[in-house]
Amino acid sequence: MTEADLLARLRRLPLHPGAHGLTDDTATLGGYTLTTDTLVEGVHFLPDDPAADVAWKLLATNYSDLAAKGALVEGVLLNYPLRDADWDAAFLDGLDAALRDLGGALLGGDTVTLPTGAPRVLTLTAIGRDAAAPARGGARAGDTLWVTGTIGDAGAGLAIARAGRGDAALRARYRRPVPRLAEGRALAPLVTAMMDVSDGLLIDAARMALASGVAVTVELVDVPLAAGVTDALAAATAGDDYELLFAAAPGFVAPVPATRVGRFEPGAGLRLTRAGEPLPTPRRLGYEHGLR
């Protein structure tokens, strides 16, 4: 079963109105925005990644969803599997530092025992308030597609972490992504759709287009790349960037550092160009759970 198959099955269950049909990364309850993310050892982080970095990443991935809603952070719930005392202590120290740096406070959670040798599975739920951004399904034909920051840094950083050598700044972008909370607040009242880039620029742009009922074209030449990242197609499908992807009306002037990377048109699906020339759409647009 793929991630898309699972979502299709879940949509047959009784859904709360605040679930928004499971078409977004967050839910709403009253004035609160809810999101949850799970990191799995060997899938989202390497077994030898420092525990403090894993704690940072777990918090940051959740906060990135709140950033895409233009929400303020309220607090978090942690589900934690105890296994190794030293690693557990380092993780909690890292979470303490991350909360103090990124904001928010612990509300509670749950604790379980992890069998020896089993991969760690870490889940955190973040709660925000005063969300001001539209859903990912608000893009309209004629809108432009934008992204904050640079793309592909984390994909390059993962390769560096696996190799055990290379650019430390790129490795940090993989291990310690920075959620664009301030940028999300600034963009929220100005854009027509917004989400974060978690699984890859191309797959997330395609998801925004699908939710909005329009087609999207991404121009590879315009995808912003960090120093040391040279393959735009690999960068646009790598994932783990946690930048903000958003749609805006023609003539939009971004109030934060951001780059125009495409446009929305009538129709459906994703189109790819390089310097205006059509390119074949790659079979893999980004990361999708359940696919091998």
C-alpha atoms as a PDB file:
ATOM      1  CA  MET A   1       0.000   0.000   0.000  1.00  0.00           C
ATOM      2  CA  THR A   2       1.380   3.407  -0.972  1.00  0.00           C
ATOM      3  CA  GLU A   3       0.927   6.641   0.936  1.00  0.00           C
ATOM      4  CA  ALA A   4      -1.704   7.722  -1.613  1.00  0.00           C
ATOM      5  CA  ASP A   5      -3.551   4.400  -1.195  1.00  0.00           C
ATOM      6  CA  LEU A   6      -3.577   4.820   2.582  1.00  0.00           C
ATOM      7  CA  LEU A   7      -4.972   8.335   2.349  1.00  0.00           C
ATOM      8  CA  ALA A   8      -7.715   7.140   0.014  1.00  0.00           C
ATOM      9  CA  ARG A   9      -8.704   4.481   2.571  1.00  0.00           C
ATOM     10  CA  LEU A  10      -8.545   6.937   5.468  1.00  0.00           C
ATOM     11  CA  ARG A  11     -10.908   9.298   3.676  1.00  0.00           C
ATOM     12  CA  ARG A  12     -13.602   6.606   3.943  1.00  0.00           C
ATOM     13  CA  LEU A  13     -13.484   6.832   7.737  1.00  0.00           C
ATOM     14  CA  PRO A  14     -15.655   9.274   9.696  1.00  0.00           C
ATOM     15  CA  LEU A  15     -13.743  12.561   9.350  1.00  0.00           C
ATOM     16  CA  HIS A  16     -13.933  15.574  11.619  1.00  0.00           C
ATOM     17  CA  PRO A  17     -14.683  18.818   9.724  1.00  0.00           C
ATOM     18  CA  GLY A  18     -11.347  20.095  10.974  1.00  0.00           C
ATOM     19  CA  ALA A  19      -9.574  17.366   9.007  1.00  0.00           C
ATOM     20  CA  HIS A  20     -10.378  19.247   5.783  1.00  0.00           C
ATOM     21  CA  GLY A  21     -10.815  15.968   3.938  1.00  0.00           C
ATOM     22  CA  LEU A  22      -7.193  15.005   4.718  1.00  0.00           C
ATOM     23  CA  THR A  23      -6.082  17.288   1.890  1.00  0.00           C
ATOM     24  CA  ASP A  24      -3.607  19.291   3.995  1.00  0.00           C
ATOM     25  CA  ASP A  25      -0.785  18.679   6.450  1.00  0.00           C
ATOM     26  CA  THR A  26      -2.643  20.228   9.367  1.00  0.00           C
ATOM     27  CA  ALA A  27      -6.056  20.046  11.018  1.00  0.00           C
ATOM     28  CA  THR A  28      -7.993  22.745  12.826  1.00  0.00           C
ATOM     29  CA  LEU A  29      -9.917  22.631  16.094  1.00  0.00           C
ATOM     30  CA  GLY A  30     -11.441  25.883  17.244  1.00  0.00           C
ATOM     31  CA  GLY A  31      -8.720  28.489  16.931  1.00  0.00           C
ATOM     32  CA  TYR A  32      -5.932  25.909  16.996  1.00  0.00           C
ATOM     33  CA  THR A  33      -3.887  24.290  14.220  1.00  0.00           C
ATOM     34  CA  LEU A  34      -2.783  20.678  14.830  1.00  0.00           C
ATOM     35  CA  THR A  35      -0.055  18.685  13.113  1.00  0.00           C
ATOM     36  CA  THR A  36       1.930  15.557  13.873  1.00  0.00           C
ATOM     37  CA  ASP A  37       5.066  13.992  12.393  1.00  0.00           C
ATOM     38  CA  THR A  38       6.951  10.773  12.969  1.00  0.00           C
ATOM     39  CA  LEU A  39      10.669  10.163  12.380  1.00  0.00           C
ATOM     40  CA  VAL A  40      11.800   6.578  11.839  1.00  0.00           C
ATOM     41  CA  GLU A  41      15.420   5.531  12.307  1.00  0.00           C
ATOM     42  CA  GLY A  42      16.845   4.420   8.964  1.00  0.00           C
ATOM     43  CA  VAL A  43      14.141   6.292   7.033  1.00  0.00           C
ATOM     44  CA  HIS A  44      14.215   9.890   8.292  1.00  0.00           C
ATOM     45  CA  PHE A  45      17.521   9.878  10.149  1.00  0.00           C
ATOM     46  CA  LEU A  46      20.666   7.755  10.201  1.00  0.00           C
ATOM     47  CA  PRO A  47      21.420   5.450  13.148  1.00  0.00           C
ATOM     48  CA  ASP A  48      24.594   7.426  13.897  1.00  0.00           C
ATOM     49  CA  ASP A  49      23.016  10.885  13.672  1.00  0.00           C
ATOM     50  CA  PRO A  50      23.498  12.677  17.016  1.00  0.00           C
ATOM     51  CA  ALA A  51      20.484  12.326  19.294  1.00  0.00           C
ATOM     52  CA  ALA A  52      20.298  16.093  19.847  1.00  0.00           C
ATOM     53  CA  ASP A  53      20.084  16.642  16.090  1.00  0.00           C
ATOM     54  CA  VAL A  54      17.278  14.076  15.818  1.00  0.00           C
ATOM     55  CA  ALA A  55      15.353  15.955  18.526  1.00  0.00           C
ATOM     56  CA  TRP A  56      15.829  19.223  16.658  1.00  0.00           C
ATOM     57  CA  LYS A  57      14.643  17.670  13.393  1.00  0.00           C
ATOM     58  CA  LEU A  58      11.564  16.125  15.021  1.00  0.00           C
ATOM     59  CA  LEU A  59      10.522  19.520  16.388  1.00  0.00           C
ATOM     60  CA  ALA A  60      11.429  21.412  13.209  1.00  0.00           C
ATOM     61  CA  THR A  61       9.459  19.140  10.865  1.00  0.00           C
ATOM     62  CA  ASN A  62       6.322  19.737  12.916  1.00  0.00           C
ATOM     63  CA  TYR A  63       6.926  23.465  13.159  1.00  0.00           C
ATOM     64  CA  SER A  64       7.392  23.608   9.385  1.00  0.00           C
ATOM     65  CA  ASP A  65       3.750  22.536   8.972  1.00  0.00           C
ATOM     66  CA  LEU A  66       2.710  25.324  11.348  1.00  0.00           C
ATOM     67  CA  ALA A  67       4.860  27.769   9.375  1.00  0.00           C
ATOM     68  CA  ALA A  68       2.969  26.847   6.208  1.00  0.00           C
ATOM     69  CA  LYS A  69      -0.231  27.927   7.950  1.00  0.00           C
ATOM     70  CA  GLY A  70       1.255  31.180   9.203  1.00  0.00           C
ATOM     71  CA  ALA A  71       0.548  29.940  12.736  1.00  0.00           C
ATOM     72  CA  LEU A  72       2.116  30.839  16.057  1.00  0.00           C
ATOM     73  CA  VAL A  73       3.561  27.944  18.071  1.00  0.00           C
ATOM     74  CA  GLU A  74       1.581  27.054  21.205  1.00  0.00           C
ATOM     75  CA  GLY A  75       3.002  23.722  22.468  1.00  0.00           C
ATOM     76  CA  VAL A  76       3.901  20.100  21.703  1.00  0.00           C
ATOM     77  CA  LEU A  77       3.084  16.534  22.752  1.00  0.00           C
ATOM     78  CA  LEU A  78       5.866  13.925  22.629  1.00  0.00           C
ATOM     79  CA  ASN A  79       5.544  10.138  22.261  1.00  0.00           C
ATOM     80  CA  TYR A  80       8.898   8.664  23.267  1.00  0.00           C
ATOM     81  CA  PRO A  81      10.324   5.099  23.094  1.00  0.00           C
ATOM     82  CA  LEU A  82      12.881   4.452  25.861  1.00  0.00           C
ATOM     83  CA  ARG A  83      15.769   2.178  24.890  1.00  0.00           C
ATOM     84  CA  ASP A  84      19.253   3.501  25.659  1.00  0.00           C
ATOM     85  CA  ALA A  85      19.822   5.765  28.666  1.00  0.00           C
ATOM     86  CA  ASP A  86      22.662   7.803  27.160  1.00  0.00           C
ATOM     87  CA  TRP A  87      20.890   8.340  23.819  1.00  0.00           C
ATOM     88  CA  ASP A  88      17.619   9.141  25.577  1.00  0.00           C
ATOM     89  CA  ALA A  89      19.314  11.739  27.792  1.00  0.00           C
ATOM     90  CA  ALA A  90      21.054  13.347  24.819  1.00  0.00           C
ATOM     91  CA  PHE A  91      17.754  13.457  22.903  1.00  0.00           C
ATOM     92  CA  LEU A  92      15.957  15.178  25.783  1.00  0.00           C
ATOM     93  CA  ASP A  93      18.786  17.684  26.185  1.00  0.00           C
ATOM     94  CA  GLY A  94      18.517  18.378  22.462  1.00  0.00           C
ATOM     95  CA  LEU A  95      14.751  18.798  22.646  1.00  0.00           C
ATOM     96  CA  ASP A  96      15.140  21.226  25.540  1.00  0.00           C
ATOM     97  CA  ALA A  97      17.583  23.311  23.514  1.00  0.00           C
ATOM     98  CA  ALA A  98      15.381  23.164  20.399  1.00  0.00           C
ATOM     99  CA  LEU A  99      12.272  24.299  22.281  1.00  0.00           C
ATOM    100  CA  ARG A 100      14.167  27.208  23.789  1.00  0.00           C
ATOM    101  CA  ASP A 101      15.572  28.162  20.376  1.00  0.00           C
ATOM    102  CA  LEU A 102      12.495  27.640  18.167  1.00  0.00           C
ATOM    103  CA  GLY A 103       9.814  28.400  20.757  1.00  0.00           C
ATOM    104  CA  GLY A 104       6.966  26.438  22.295  1.00  0.00           C
ATOM    105  CA  ALA A 105       6.680  24.277  25.390  1.00  0.00           C
ATOM    106  CA  LEU A 106       5.933  20.681  26.259  1.00  0.00           C
ATOM    107  CA  LEU A 107       2.280  19.865  27.032  1.00  0.00           C
ATOM    108  CA  GLY A 108       2.648  16.129  27.678  1.00  0.00           C
ATOM    109  CA  GLY A 109       2.765  12.882  25.719  1.00  0.00           C
ATOM    110  CA  ASP A 110       3.371   9.164  26.189  1.00  0.00           C
ATOM    111  CA  THR A 111       6.280   6.835  26.977  1.00  0.00           C
ATOM    112  CA  VAL A 112       6.845   3.272  25.781  1.00  0.00           C
ATOM    113  CA  THR A 113       9.680   0.739  25.944  1.00  0.00           C
ATOM    114  CA  LEU A 114      11.484  -0.061  22.701  1.00  0.00           C
ATOM    115  CA  PRO A 115      12.841  -3.625  22.313  1.00  0.00           C
ATOM    116  CA  THR A 116      16.618  -3.895  22.004  1.00  0.00           C
ATOM    117  CA  GLY A 117      17.673  -3.607  18.376  1.00  0.00           C
ATOM    118  CA  ALA A 118      14.368  -2.210  17.128  1.00  0.00           C
ATOM    119  CA  PRO A 119      14.631   1.042  15.134  1.00  0.00           C
ATOM    120  CA  ARG A 120      13.575   4.162  16.977  1.00  0.00           C
ATOM    121  CA  VAL A 121      10.169   5.589  16.059  1.00  0.00           C
ATOM    122  CA  LEU A 122       9.674   9.129  17.387  1.00  0.00           C
ATOM    123  CA  THR A 123       6.380  11.036  17.182  1.00  0.00           C
ATOM    124  CA  LEU A 124       5.635  14.621  18.110  1.00  0.00           C
ATOM    125  CA  THR A 125       2.417  16.615  17.778  1.00  0.00           C
ATOM    126  CA  ALA A 126       2.602  20.399  17.519  1.00  0.00           C
ATOM    127  CA  ILE A 127      -0.220  22.819  18.257  1.00  0.00           C
ATOM    128  CA  GLY A 128      -0.345  26.321  16.842  1.00  0.00           C
ATOM    129  CA  ARG A 129      -2.788  29.199  16.963  1.00  0.00           C
ATOM    130  CA  ASP A 130      -3.899  32.217  14.959  1.00  0.00           C
ATOM    131  CA  ALA A 131      -3.205  30.583  11.588  1.00  0.00           C
ATOM    132  CA  ALA A 132      -3.597  33.077   8.757  1.00  0.00           C
ATOM    133  CA  ALA A 133      -2.577  31.201   5.596  1.00  0.00           C
ATOM    134  CA  PRO A 134      -4.892  29.647   2.994  1.00  0.00           C
ATOM    135  CA  ALA A 135      -4.885  25.898   2.354  1.00  0.00           C
ATOM    136  CA  ARG A 136      -2.708  24.289  -0.281  1.00  0.00           C
ATOM    137  CA  GLY A 137      -5.755  24.055  -2.564  1.00  0.00           C
ATOM    138  CA  GLY A 138      -6.126  27.791  -3.192  1.00  0.00           C
ATOM    139  CA  ALA A 139      -3.858  28.217  -6.232  1.00  0.00           C
ATOM    140  CA  ARG A 140      -5.552  29.615  -9.338  1.00  0.00           C
ATOM    141  CA  ALA A 141      -4.719  29.499 -13.040  1.00  0.00           C
ATOM    142  CA  GLY A 142      -2.443  32.478 -13.686  1.00  0.00           C
ATOM    143  CA  ASP A 143      -0.843  32.386 -10.235  1.00  0.00           C
ATOM    144  CA  THR A 144       2.915  32.128  -9.909  1.00  0.00           C
ATOM    145  CA  LEU A 145       4.764  29.457  -7.892  1.00  0.00           C
ATOM    146  CA  TRP A 146       7.415  30.502  -5.379  1.00  0.00           C
ATOM    147  CA  VAL A 147       9.720  28.877  -2.841  1.00  0.00           C
ATOM    148  CA  THR A 148      11.719  30.318   0.063  1.00  0.00           C
ATOM    149  CA  GLY A 149      15.403  29.630   0.608  1.00  0.00           C
ATOM    150  CA  THR A 150      17.295  27.062  -1.422  1.00  0.00           C
ATOM    151  CA  ILE A 151      16.385  23.557  -2.546  1.00  0.00           C
ATOM    152  CA  GLY A 152      18.378  20.325  -2.422  1.00  0.00           C
ATOM    153  CA  ASP A 153      20.558  21.270   0.549  1.00  0.00           C
ATOM    154  CA  ALA A 154      19.241  18.453   2.730  1.00  0.00           C
ATOM    155  CA  GLY A 155      19.566  15.857  -0.021  1.00  0.00           C
ATOM    156  CA  ALA A 156      23.207  16.826  -0.461  1.00  0.00           C
ATOM    157  CA  GLY A 157      23.637  16.935   3.318  1.00  0.00           C
ATOM    158  CA  LEU A 158      22.307  13.389   3.671  1.00  0.00           C
ATOM    159  CA  ALA A 159      24.899  12.141   1.167  1.00  0.00           C
ATOM    160  CA  ILE A 160      27.591  13.964   3.148  1.00  0.00           C
ATOM    161  CA  ALA A 161      26.391  12.453   6.443  1.00  0.00           C
ATOM    162  CA  ARG A 162      26.432   8.977   4.916  1.00  0.00           C
ATOM    163  CA  ALA A 163      29.957   9.517   3.586  1.00  0.00           C
ATOM    164  CA  GLY A 164      31.188  10.944   6.877  1.00  0.00           C
ATOM    165  CA  ARG A 165      32.846  13.924   5.217  1.00  0.00           C
ATOM    166  CA  GLY A 166      31.961  17.012   3.235  1.00  0.00           C
ATOM    167  CA  ASP A 167      30.407  20.444   3.629  1.00  0.00           C
ATOM    168  CA  ALA A 168      29.314  20.921   7.246  1.00  0.00           C
ATOM    169  CA  ALA A 169      26.713  23.555   6.346  1.00  0.00           C
ATOM    170  CA  LEU A 170      24.919  21.191   3.960  1.00  0.00           C
ATOM    171  CA  ARG A 171      25.055  18.387   6.525  1.00  0.00           C
ATOM    172  CA  ALA A 172      23.484  20.749   9.064  1.00  0.00           C
ATOM    173  CA  ARG A 173      20.652  21.512   6.627  1.00  0.00           C
ATOM    174  CA  TYR A 174      19.821  17.778   6.624  1.00  0.00           C
ATOM    175  CA  ARG A 175      20.171  17.291  10.375  1.00  0.00           C
ATOM    176  CA  ARG A 176      18.832  20.637  11.624  1.00  0.00           C
ATOM    177  CA  PRO A 177      16.351  22.174   9.180  1.00  0.00           C
ATOM    178  CA  VAL A 178      15.054  25.603  10.133  1.00  0.00           C
ATOM    179  CA  PRO A 179      11.254  25.976  10.046  1.00  0.00           C
ATOM    180  CA  ARG A 180      10.273  29.206   8.289  1.00  0.00           C
ATOM    181  CA  LEU A 181       7.928  30.424  11.019  1.00  0.00           C
ATOM    182  CA  ALA A 182       8.542  34.152  10.586  1.00  0.00           C
ATOM    183  CA  GLU A 183       8.399  33.855   6.807  1.00  0.00           C
ATOM    184  CA  GLY A 184       5.108  31.973   7.046  1.00  0.00           C
ATOM    185  CA  ARG A 185       3.574  34.737   9.159  1.00  0.00           C
ATOM    186  CA  ALA A 186       4.729  37.383   6.684  1.00  0.00           C
ATOM    187  CA  LEU A 187       3.471  35.485   3.624  1.00  0.00           C
ATOM    188  CA  ALA A 188       0.193  34.169   5.036  1.00  0.00           C
ATOM    189  CA  PRO A 189      -2.080  37.149   4.253  1.00  0.00           C
ATOM    190  CA  LEU A 190      -0.552  37.676   0.794  1.00  0.00           C
ATOM    191  CA  VAL A 191      -0.584  34.243  -0.882  1.00  0.00           C
ATOM    192  CA  THR A 192      -3.328  32.098  -2.420  1.00  0.00           C
ATOM    193  CA  ALA A 193      -1.931  28.708  -1.320  1.00  0.00           C
ATOM    194  CA  MET A 194       0.968  27.534   0.833  1.00  0.00           C
ATOM    195  CA  MET A 195       2.582  24.324   2.098  1.00  0.00           C
ATOM    196  CA  ASP A 196       6.046  23.239   3.139  1.00  0.00           C
ATOM    197  CA  VAL A 197       8.497  21.303   0.981  1.00  0.00           C
ATOM    198  CA  SER A 198       9.014  18.051   2.852  1.00  0.00           C
ATOM    199  CA  ASP A 199       9.019  15.297   0.197  1.00  0.00           C
ATOM    200  CA  GLY A 200      10.524  17.252  -2.691  1.00  0.00           C
ATOM    201  CA  LEU A 201       9.800  20.429  -4.646  1.00  0.00           C
ATOM    202  CA  LEU A 202       8.298  18.615  -7.645  1.00  0.00           C
ATOM    203  CA  ILE A 203       6.018  16.224  -5.759  1.00  0.00           C
ATOM    204  CA  ASP A 204       4.824  18.958  -3.425  1.00  0.00           C
ATOM    205  CA  ALA A 205       4.168  21.343  -6.324  1.00  0.00           C
ATOM    206  CA  ALA A 206       2.161  18.556  -7.992  1.00  0.00           C
ATOM    207  CA  ARG A 207       0.190  18.069  -4.760  1.00  0.00           C
ATOM    208  CA  MET A 208      -0.612  21.768  -4.574  1.00  0.00           C
ATOM    209  CA  ALA A 209      -1.776  21.748  -8.198  1.00  0.00           C
ATOM    210  CA  LEU A 210      -3.914  18.648  -7.642  1.00  0.00           C
ATOM    211  CA  ALA A 211      -5.548  20.105  -4.533  1.00  0.00           C
ATOM    212  CA  SER A 212      -6.213  23.343  -6.432  1.00  0.00           C
ATOM    213  CA  GLY A 213      -7.619  21.723  -9.580  1.00  0.00           C
ATOM    214  CA  VAL A 214      -5.039  23.296 -11.903  1.00  0.00           C
ATOM    215  CA  ALA A 215      -1.801  22.368 -13.690  1.00  0.00           C
ATOM    216  CA  VAL A 216       1.641  23.562 -12.626  1.00  0.00           C
ATOM    217  CA  THR A 217       4.822  24.159 -14.607  1.00  0.00           C
ATOM    218  CA  VAL A 218       8.178  24.197 -12.807  1.00  0.00           C
ATOM    219  CA  GLU A 219      11.174  25.866 -14.479  1.00  0.00           C
ATOM    220  CA  LEU A 220      14.320  23.983 -13.412  1.00  0.00           C
ATOM    221  CA  VAL A 221      16.664  26.845 -14.282  1.00  0.00           C
ATOM    222  CA  ASP A 222      14.933  29.006 -11.685  1.00  0.00           C
ATOM    223  CA  VAL A 223      15.125  26.517  -8.798  1.00  0.00           C
ATOM    224  CA  PRO A 224      17.393  28.183  -6.195  1.00  0.00           C
ATOM    225  CA  LEU A 225      20.371  26.017  -5.246  1.00  0.00           C
ATOM    226  CA  ALA A 226      22.852  26.413  -2.408  1.00  0.00           C
ATOM    227  CA  ALA A 227      26.582  26.580  -3.054  1.00  0.00           C
ATOM    228  CA  GLY A 228      27.810  23.040  -3.641  1.00  0.00           C
ATOM    229  CA  VAL A 229      24.487  21.839  -5.081  1.00  0.00           C
ATOM    230  CA  THR A 230      24.600  21.650  -8.884  1.00  0.00           C
ATOM    231  CA  ASP A 231      21.987  19.131 -10.084  1.00  0.00           C
ATOM    232  CA  ALA A 232      18.656  20.978 -10.124  1.00  0.00           C
ATOM    233  CA  LEU A 233      16.555  17.906 -10.954  1.00  0.00           C
ATOM    234  CA  ALA A 234      18.100  15.862  -8.145  1.00  0.00           C
ATOM    235  CA  ALA A 235      17.616  18.812  -5.780  1.00  0.00           C
ATOM    236  CA  ALA A 236      13.963  19.239  -6.784  1.00  0.00           C
ATOM    237  CA  THR A 237      13.176  15.591  -6.011  1.00  0.00           C
ATOM    238  CA  ALA A 238      15.335  15.077  -2.904  1.00  0.00           C
ATOM    239  CA  GLY A 239      13.019  16.310  -0.147  1.00  0.00           C
ATOM    240  CA  ASP A 240      13.680  17.255   3.482  1.00  0.00           C
ATOM    241  CA  ASP A 241      14.109  20.945   2.595  1.00  0.00           C
ATOM    242  CA  TYR A 242      11.316  22.322   4.843  1.00  0.00           C
ATOM    243  CA  GLU A 243      11.133  25.519   2.848  1.00  0.00           C
ATOM    244  CA  LEU A 244       7.781  27.165   2.070  1.00  0.00           C
ATOM    245  CA  LEU A 245       6.160  26.590  -1.318  1.00  0.00           C
ATOM    246  CA  PHE A 246       3.437  29.070  -2.187  1.00  0.00           C
ATOM    247  CA  ALA A 247       1.216  30.432  -4.933  1.00  0.00           C
ATOM    248  CA  ALA A 248       0.709  34.134  -5.495  1.00  0.00           C
ATOM    249  CA  ALA A 249      -1.023  36.411  -7.969  1.00  0.00           C
ATOM    250  CA  PRO A 250       0.911  37.773 -10.976  1.00  0.00           C
ATOM    251  CA  GLY A 251       3.059  40.755 -10.058  1.00  0.00           C
ATOM    252  CA  PHE A 252       3.599  39.494  -6.522  1.00  0.00           C
ATOM    253  CA  VAL A 253       6.548  40.989  -4.651  1.00  0.00           C
ATOM    254  CA  ALA A 254       7.791  38.698  -1.878  1.00  0.00           C
ATOM    255  CA  PRO A 255       8.304  40.305   1.554  1.00  0.00           C
ATOM    256  CA  VAL A 256      10.858  37.595   2.445  1.00  0.00           C
ATOM    257  CA  PRO A 257      13.713  35.952   0.485  1.00  0.00           C
ATOM    258  CA  ALA A 258      11.941  33.767  -2.082  1.00  0.00           C
ATOM    259  CA  THR A 259      12.283  32.746  -5.717  1.00  0.00           C
ATOM    260  CA  ARG A 260       9.678  32.373  -8.440  1.00  0.00           C
ATOM    261  CA  VAL A 261      10.024  28.849  -9.850  1.00  0.00           C
ATOM    262  CA  GLY A 262       6.891  28.272 -11.916  1.00  0.00           C
ATOM    263  CA  ARG A 263       3.292  29.056 -12.764  1.00  0.00           C
ATOM    264  CA  PHE A 264      -0.188  27.582 -12.563  1.00  0.00           C
ATOM    265  CA  GLU A 265      -2.358  27.061 -15.630  1.00  0.00           C
ATOM    266  CA  PRO A 266      -5.707  25.542 -16.550  1.00  0.00           C
ATOM    267  CA  GLY A 267      -5.581  21.752 -16.712  1.00  0.00           C
ATOM    268  CA  ALA A 268      -4.037  19.114 -14.503  1.00  0.00           C
ATOM    269  CA  GLY A 269      -0.679  17.597 -13.674  1.00  0.00           C
ATOM    270  CA  LEU A 270       2.925  18.790 -13.492  1.00  0.00           C
ATOM    271  CA  ARG A 271       5.045  19.990 -16.386  1.00  0.00           C
ATOM    272  CA  LEU A 272       8.786  20.506 -16.280  1.00  0.00           C
ATOM    273  CA  THR A 273      10.864  22.903 -18.377  1.00  0.00           C
ATOM    274  CA  ARG A 274      14.512  23.921 -18.658  1.00  0.00           C
ATOM    275  CA  ALA A 275      15.005  27.426 -20.043  1.00  0.00           C
ATOM    276  CA  GLY A 276      11.473  27.203 -21.408  1.00  0.00           C
ATOM    277  CA  GLU A 277      12.004  23.911 -23.230  1.00  0.00           C
ATOM    278  CA  PRO A 278       9.805  20.968 -22.156  1.00  0.00           C
ATOM    279  CA  LEU A 279      11.509  18.134 -20.269  1.00  0.00           C
ATOM    280  CA  PRO A 280      10.265  14.571 -19.667  1.00  0.00           C
ATOM    281  CA  THR A 281       8.610  14.318 -16.258  1.00  0.00           C
ATOM    282  CA  PRO A 282      10.720  12.012 -14.076  1.00  0.00           C
ATOM    283  CA  ARG A 283       9.105   8.825 -12.829  1.00  0.00           C
ATOM    284  CA  ARG A 284       9.985   9.800  -9.271  1.00  0.00           C
ATOM    285  CA  LEU A 285       8.880  13.325  -8.341  1.00  0.00           C
ATOM    286  CA  GLY A 286       9.987  13.023  -4.704  1.00  0.00           C
ATOM    287  CA  TYR A 287       9.708  10.808  -1.685  1.00  0.00           C
ATOM    288  CA  GLU A 288       6.506   8.842  -1.131  1.00  0.00           C
ATOM    289  CA  HIS A 289       6.097   6.337   1.691  1.00  0.00           C
ATOM    290  CA  GLY A 290       5.213   2.815   0.591  1.00  0.00           C
ATOM    291  CA  LEU A 291       7.111   3.017  -2.700  1.00  0.00           C
ATOM    292  CA  ARG A 292      10.290   1.012  -3.204  1.00  0.00           C
END
